[in-house]
Amino acid sequence: MKSLKLFTLALALFTITVSAADLNPVKPTDELRFQIVDLIGTNYNAEMTADEYKADVLFTVTTDRELIVLSVDSDNDQLESYLKAKLNYKKVNHRPSKHGEIYLLPVKMVKEL
C-alpha cells in the first residue's frame, strides 16, 4: 500500500514536470510590457542592495484582464516577493489572443545612483 502511494506521487510529479516543459511561453506585446513596467514602479531603489537584479516572470492574463503570476525565477527571494506583490491580480488593458496563453517577461531592475 505504501509503495502504491509512493508510485502515485512519483507519477503525478512526472506528469506535472512534463506538462510544464510544454508551456512554450510567448513574449508579451509592447503595450502589455509598458503596463507591467508601470505596475512595478520605481520605488524599489531603497530596498536594493545590489546594483542590478534580473528575473524571469511567467504569467497569464485572465478574461477579466487580470495578471496571474505563475512563477518568478530569480536568485533573490525579496525580488520574487516584490514582483509577485506588485503584479499578481492587477488589471491591465490586454485581452489574450487565446485562452490560457502564457507569457514570459524578462525583468532587469537597475539601481539608480
N, C-alpha and C. Protein backbone atom coordinates (compact mmCIF):
# COMPACT_ATOMS: atom_id res chain seq x y z
N MET A 1 0.82 -1.19 0.00
CA MET A 1 0.00 0.00 0.00
C MET A 1 0.87 1.26 0.00
N LYS A 2 1.93 1.21 0.82
CA LYS A 2 2.82 2.36 0.90
C LYS A 2 3.54 2.60 -0.43
N SER A 3 3.95 1.52 -1.09
CA SER A 3 4.63 1.66 -2.37
C SER A 3 3.68 2.16 -3.46
N LEU A 4 2.40 1.83 -3.37
CA LEU A 4 1.42 2.33 -4.33
C LEU A 4 1.25 3.84 -4.19
N LYS A 5 1.22 4.35 -2.96
CA LYS A 5 1.12 5.79 -2.73
C LYS A 5 2.37 6.50 -3.26
N LEU A 6 3.53 5.91 -3.02
CA LEU A 6 4.78 6.49 -3.49
C LEU A 6 4.83 6.51 -5.01
N PHE A 7 4.38 5.42 -5.64
CA PHE A 7 4.34 5.37 -7.10
C PHE A 7 3.38 6.41 -7.67
N THR A 8 2.23 6.57 -7.05
CA THR A 8 1.25 7.57 -7.49
C THR A 8 1.81 8.98 -7.38
N LEU A 9 2.50 9.26 -6.29
CA LEU A 9 3.11 10.57 -6.11
C LEU A 9 4.19 10.82 -7.16
N ALA A 10 5.02 9.82 -7.42
CA ALA A 10 6.08 9.95 -8.42
C ALA A 10 5.48 10.17 -9.81
N LEU A 11 4.41 9.46 -10.12
CA LEU A 11 3.76 9.62 -11.41
C LEU A 11 3.15 11.02 -11.56
N ALA A 12 2.56 11.53 -10.49
CA ALA A 12 1.98 12.88 -10.52
C ALA A 12 3.06 13.93 -10.74
N LEU A 13 4.18 13.81 -10.05
CA LEU A 13 5.28 14.76 -10.22
C LEU A 13 5.85 14.70 -11.63
N PHE A 14 5.97 13.50 -12.17
CA PHE A 14 6.47 13.34 -13.54
C PHE A 14 5.52 14.00 -14.53
N THR A 15 4.23 13.82 -14.36
CA THR A 15 3.23 14.40 -15.25
C THR A 15 3.28 15.92 -15.21
N ILE A 16 3.41 16.48 -14.01
CA ILE A 16 3.49 17.93 -13.86
C ILE A 16 4.74 18.47 -14.53
N THR A 17 5.86 17.79 -14.36
CA THR A 17 7.12 18.22 -14.95
C THR A 17 7.05 18.19 -16.47
N VAL A 18 6.51 17.13 -17.03
CA VAL A 18 6.40 17.01 -18.49
C VAL A 18 5.47 18.07 -19.05
N SER A 19 4.34 18.31 -18.40
CA SER A 19 3.40 19.31 -18.91
C SER A 19 3.96 20.72 -18.77
N ALA A 20 4.75 20.99 -17.74
CA ALA A 20 5.37 22.31 -17.57
C ALA A 20 6.41 22.57 -18.64
N ALA A 21 7.06 21.54 -19.13
CA ALA A 21 8.08 21.71 -20.17
C ALA A 21 7.46 22.07 -21.51
N ASP A 22 6.17 21.77 -21.70
CA ASP A 22 5.49 22.03 -22.96
C ASP A 22 4.75 23.36 -22.98
N LEU A 23 5.05 24.28 -22.08
CA LEU A 23 4.31 25.53 -21.98
C LEU A 23 4.50 26.43 -23.18
N ASN A 24 5.70 26.54 -23.69
CA ASN A 24 6.02 27.43 -24.80
C ASN A 24 5.48 28.84 -24.58
N PRO A 25 6.00 29.55 -23.58
CA PRO A 25 5.51 30.91 -23.32
C PRO A 25 5.89 31.85 -24.46
N VAL A 26 5.09 32.90 -24.62
CA VAL A 26 5.33 33.89 -25.67
C VAL A 26 5.73 35.20 -25.03
N LYS A 27 6.32 36.08 -25.85
CA LYS A 27 6.69 37.42 -25.36
C LYS A 27 5.43 38.28 -25.32
N PRO A 28 5.29 39.09 -24.29
CA PRO A 28 4.15 40.00 -24.24
C PRO A 28 4.31 41.12 -25.26
N THR A 29 3.20 41.71 -25.66
CA THR A 29 3.25 42.83 -26.59
C THR A 29 3.92 44.03 -25.90
N ASP A 30 4.35 44.99 -26.69
CA ASP A 30 4.99 46.18 -26.13
C ASP A 30 4.05 46.93 -25.20
N GLU A 31 2.77 47.02 -25.58
CA GLU A 31 1.79 47.72 -24.75
C GLU A 31 1.64 47.04 -23.38
N LEU A 32 1.55 45.72 -23.39
CA LEU A 32 1.43 44.97 -22.13
C LEU A 32 2.70 45.12 -21.30
N ARG A 33 3.84 45.08 -21.95
CA ARG A 33 5.12 45.24 -21.25
C ARG A 33 5.20 46.60 -20.57
N PHE A 34 4.78 47.66 -21.27
CA PHE A 34 4.79 49.01 -20.67
C PHE A 34 3.85 49.10 -19.48
N GLN A 35 2.70 48.45 -19.56
CA GLN A 35 1.77 48.44 -18.43
C GLN A 35 2.37 47.72 -17.22
N ILE A 36 3.08 46.64 -17.47
CA ILE A 36 3.71 45.90 -16.38
C ILE A 36 4.83 46.72 -15.74
N VAL A 37 5.60 47.42 -16.56
CA VAL A 37 6.65 48.29 -16.03
C VAL A 37 6.04 49.37 -15.13
N ASP A 38 4.90 49.93 -15.54
CA ASP A 38 4.21 50.93 -14.72
C ASP A 38 3.74 50.32 -13.40
N LEU A 39 3.25 49.07 -13.44
CA LEU A 39 2.80 48.41 -12.21
C LEU A 39 3.95 48.15 -11.25
N ILE A 40 5.10 47.78 -11.80
CA ILE A 40 6.27 47.50 -10.95
C ILE A 40 6.73 48.79 -10.27
N GLY A 41 6.71 49.89 -11.00
CA GLY A 41 7.08 51.18 -10.42
C GLY A 41 8.58 51.34 -10.26
N THR A 42 8.96 52.44 -9.57
CA THR A 42 10.37 52.75 -9.40
C THR A 42 10.75 52.93 -7.94
N ASN A 43 9.89 52.57 -7.02
CA ASN A 43 10.18 52.79 -5.60
C ASN A 43 10.94 51.62 -4.97
N TYR A 44 11.55 50.79 -5.75
CA TYR A 44 12.31 49.66 -5.23
C TYR A 44 13.76 50.03 -4.94
N ASN A 45 14.21 51.21 -5.32
CA ASN A 45 15.62 51.60 -5.14
C ASN A 45 16.07 51.54 -3.69
N ALA A 46 15.22 51.93 -2.75
CA ALA A 46 15.61 51.96 -1.34
C ALA A 46 15.84 50.54 -0.80
N GLU A 47 15.18 49.56 -1.38
CA GLU A 47 15.28 48.19 -0.90
C GLU A 47 16.40 47.39 -1.57
N MET A 48 16.99 47.94 -2.61
CA MET A 48 18.00 47.20 -3.37
C MET A 48 19.38 47.32 -2.72
N THR A 49 20.02 46.21 -2.53
CA THR A 49 21.38 46.23 -2.00
C THR A 49 22.40 46.07 -3.13
N ALA A 50 22.04 45.32 -4.15
CA ALA A 50 22.92 45.15 -5.31
C ALA A 50 22.58 46.22 -6.35
N ASP A 51 23.47 46.39 -7.33
CA ASP A 51 23.25 47.40 -8.36
C ASP A 51 22.25 46.93 -9.42
N GLU A 52 22.07 45.62 -9.55
CA GLU A 52 21.21 45.10 -10.61
C GLU A 52 20.60 43.77 -10.19
N TYR A 53 19.33 43.58 -10.55
CA TYR A 53 18.63 42.32 -10.32
C TYR A 53 18.00 41.88 -11.63
N LYS A 54 17.94 40.57 -11.83
CA LYS A 54 17.30 40.00 -13.01
C LYS A 54 16.31 38.93 -12.57
N ALA A 55 15.21 38.83 -13.31
CA ALA A 55 14.21 37.81 -13.03
C ALA A 55 13.46 37.50 -14.31
N ASP A 56 12.92 36.30 -14.39
CA ASP A 56 12.03 35.91 -15.47
C ASP A 56 10.65 35.68 -14.86
N VAL A 57 9.68 36.44 -15.32
CA VAL A 57 8.32 36.37 -14.78
C VAL A 57 7.45 35.61 -15.78
N LEU A 58 6.86 34.52 -15.32
CA LEU A 58 5.95 33.71 -16.11
C LEU A 58 4.54 34.03 -15.64
N PHE A 59 3.68 34.50 -16.54
CA PHE A 59 2.34 34.92 -16.13
C PHE A 59 1.33 34.67 -17.23
N THR A 60 0.07 34.80 -16.87
CA THR A 60 -1.03 34.70 -17.82
C THR A 60 -1.98 35.86 -17.56
N VAL A 61 -2.87 36.13 -18.51
CA VAL A 61 -3.87 37.18 -18.36
C VAL A 61 -5.23 36.52 -18.49
N THR A 62 -6.10 36.76 -17.49
CA THR A 62 -7.42 36.15 -17.49
C THR A 62 -8.36 36.90 -18.43
N THR A 63 -9.55 36.35 -18.62
CA THR A 63 -10.55 37.03 -19.45
C THR A 63 -11.05 38.31 -18.78
N ASP A 64 -10.85 38.43 -17.46
CA ASP A 64 -11.19 39.65 -16.74
C ASP A 64 -10.06 40.67 -16.79
N ARG A 65 -9.02 40.37 -17.59
CA ARG A 65 -7.85 41.24 -17.78
C ARG A 65 -7.02 41.40 -16.51
N GLU A 66 -6.92 40.34 -15.75
CA GLU A 66 -6.07 40.35 -14.55
C GLU A 66 -4.81 39.54 -14.82
N LEU A 67 -3.68 40.05 -14.33
CA LEU A 67 -2.43 39.30 -14.41
C LEU A 67 -2.43 38.23 -13.33
N ILE A 68 -2.02 37.04 -13.68
CA ILE A 68 -1.83 35.97 -12.72
C ILE A 68 -0.37 35.53 -12.85
N VAL A 69 0.42 35.79 -11.83
CA VAL A 69 1.83 35.41 -11.84
C VAL A 69 1.94 33.93 -11.53
N LEU A 70 2.51 33.18 -12.46
CA LEU A 70 2.68 31.75 -12.28
C LEU A 70 3.98 31.43 -11.56
N SER A 71 5.04 32.15 -11.93
CA SER A 71 6.31 31.97 -11.25
C SER A 71 7.23 33.14 -11.53
N VAL A 72 8.16 33.34 -10.61
CA VAL A 72 9.21 34.34 -10.77
C VAL A 72 10.52 33.61 -10.53
N ASP A 73 11.37 33.57 -11.55
CA ASP A 73 12.65 32.88 -11.46
C ASP A 73 13.75 33.91 -11.24
N SER A 74 14.28 33.94 -10.01
CA SER A 74 15.32 34.90 -9.65
C SER A 74 16.17 34.31 -8.54
N ASP A 75 17.39 34.82 -8.42
CA ASP A 75 18.27 34.38 -7.33
C ASP A 75 17.92 35.09 -6.02
N ASN A 76 17.14 36.15 -6.09
CA ASN A 76 16.82 36.96 -4.93
C ASN A 76 15.37 36.72 -4.49
N ASP A 77 15.18 36.20 -3.28
CA ASP A 77 13.84 35.91 -2.78
C ASP A 77 13.02 37.18 -2.56
N GLN A 78 13.68 38.27 -2.14
CA GLN A 78 12.96 39.52 -1.94
C GLN A 78 12.42 40.06 -3.26
N LEU A 79 13.18 39.92 -4.31
CA LEU A 79 12.74 40.37 -5.63
C LEU A 79 11.53 39.55 -6.08
N GLU A 80 11.56 38.25 -5.85
CA GLU A 80 10.42 37.40 -6.20
C GLU A 80 9.16 37.86 -5.49
N SER A 81 9.27 38.09 -4.20
CA SER A 81 8.11 38.54 -3.41
C SER A 81 7.64 39.91 -3.88
N TYR A 82 8.57 40.80 -4.16
CA TYR A 82 8.24 42.15 -4.60
C TYR A 82 7.46 42.11 -5.91
N LEU A 83 7.96 41.35 -6.88
CA LEU A 83 7.31 41.28 -8.18
C LEU A 83 5.94 40.63 -8.09
N LYS A 84 5.82 39.58 -7.29
CA LYS A 84 4.52 38.93 -7.12
C LYS A 84 3.52 39.89 -6.48
N ALA A 85 3.95 40.63 -5.49
CA ALA A 85 3.05 41.57 -4.81
C ALA A 85 2.62 42.70 -5.74
N LYS A 86 3.52 43.16 -6.59
CA LYS A 86 3.22 44.27 -7.49
C LYS A 86 2.36 43.87 -8.68
N LEU A 87 2.46 42.60 -9.11
CA LEU A 87 1.81 42.20 -10.36
C LEU A 87 0.59 41.29 -10.20
N ASN A 88 0.59 40.44 -9.20
CA ASN A 88 -0.46 39.42 -9.10
C ASN A 88 -1.83 40.04 -8.90
N TYR A 89 -2.78 39.65 -9.73
CA TYR A 89 -4.19 40.07 -9.71
C TYR A 89 -4.39 41.55 -10.02
N LYS A 90 -3.45 42.17 -10.71
CA LYS A 90 -3.59 43.57 -11.12
C LYS A 90 -4.25 43.60 -12.51
N LYS A 91 -5.08 44.61 -12.74
CA LYS A 91 -5.79 44.76 -14.01
C LYS A 91 -4.89 45.41 -15.05
N VAL A 92 -4.99 44.93 -16.29
CA VAL A 92 -4.28 45.50 -17.43
C VAL A 92 -5.26 45.64 -18.59
N ASN A 93 -4.91 46.45 -19.56
CA ASN A 93 -5.73 46.62 -20.76
C ASN A 93 -5.22 45.70 -21.86
N HIS A 94 -5.37 44.41 -21.66
CA HIS A 94 -4.89 43.44 -22.64
C HIS A 94 -5.83 42.24 -22.65
N ARG A 95 -6.24 41.85 -23.81
CA ARG A 95 -7.02 40.63 -23.97
C ARG A 95 -6.11 39.58 -24.61
N PRO A 96 -5.98 38.42 -23.98
CA PRO A 96 -5.13 37.39 -24.58
C PRO A 96 -5.71 36.92 -25.91
N SER A 97 -4.84 36.59 -26.85
CA SER A 97 -5.30 36.15 -28.17
C SER A 97 -5.94 34.77 -28.10
N LYS A 98 -5.52 33.95 -27.12
CA LYS A 98 -6.17 32.66 -26.92
C LYS A 98 -6.22 32.35 -25.43
N HIS A 99 -7.20 31.58 -25.04
CA HIS A 99 -7.41 31.25 -23.63
C HIS A 99 -6.22 30.47 -23.07
N GLY A 100 -5.74 30.89 -21.91
CA GLY A 100 -4.66 30.19 -21.25
C GLY A 100 -3.28 30.50 -21.80
N GLU A 101 -3.15 31.55 -22.60
CA GLU A 101 -1.85 31.91 -23.16
C GLU A 101 -0.91 32.33 -22.03
N ILE A 102 0.31 31.82 -22.07
CA ILE A 102 1.30 32.08 -21.03
C ILE A 102 2.41 32.94 -21.62
N TYR A 103 2.78 33.96 -20.85
CA TYR A 103 3.79 34.93 -21.28
C TYR A 103 5.04 34.81 -20.41
N LEU A 104 6.18 35.09 -21.01
CA LEU A 104 7.45 35.13 -20.30
C LEU A 104 8.04 36.52 -20.49
N LEU A 105 8.26 37.22 -19.37
CA LEU A 105 8.81 38.56 -19.41
C LEU A 105 10.11 38.60 -18.61
N PRO A 106 11.25 38.81 -19.29
CA PRO A 106 12.49 39.01 -18.54
C PRO A 106 12.49 40.41 -17.93
N VAL A 107 12.81 40.50 -16.65
CA VAL A 107 12.82 41.78 -15.94
C VAL A 107 14.24 42.06 -15.48
N LYS A 108 14.69 43.28 -15.74
CA LYS A 108 16.01 43.72 -15.27
C LYS A 108 15.80 45.02 -14.51
N MET A 109 16.15 45.02 -13.23
CA MET A 109 15.97 46.19 -12.38
C MET A 109 17.35 46.72 -12.03
N VAL A 110 17.61 47.98 -12.37
CA VAL A 110 18.91 48.59 -12.15
C VAL A 110 18.75 49.71 -11.13
N LYS A 111 19.64 49.72 -10.15
CA LYS A 111 19.61 50.74 -9.11
C LYS A 111 20.09 52.07 -9.68
N GLU A 112 19.30 53.12 -9.44
CA GLU A 112 19.70 54.45 -9.90
C GLU A 112 20.64 55.06 -8.88
N LEU A 113 21.66 55.71 -9.36
CA LEU A 113 22.65 56.31 -8.47
C LEU A 113 22.32 57.74 -8.16
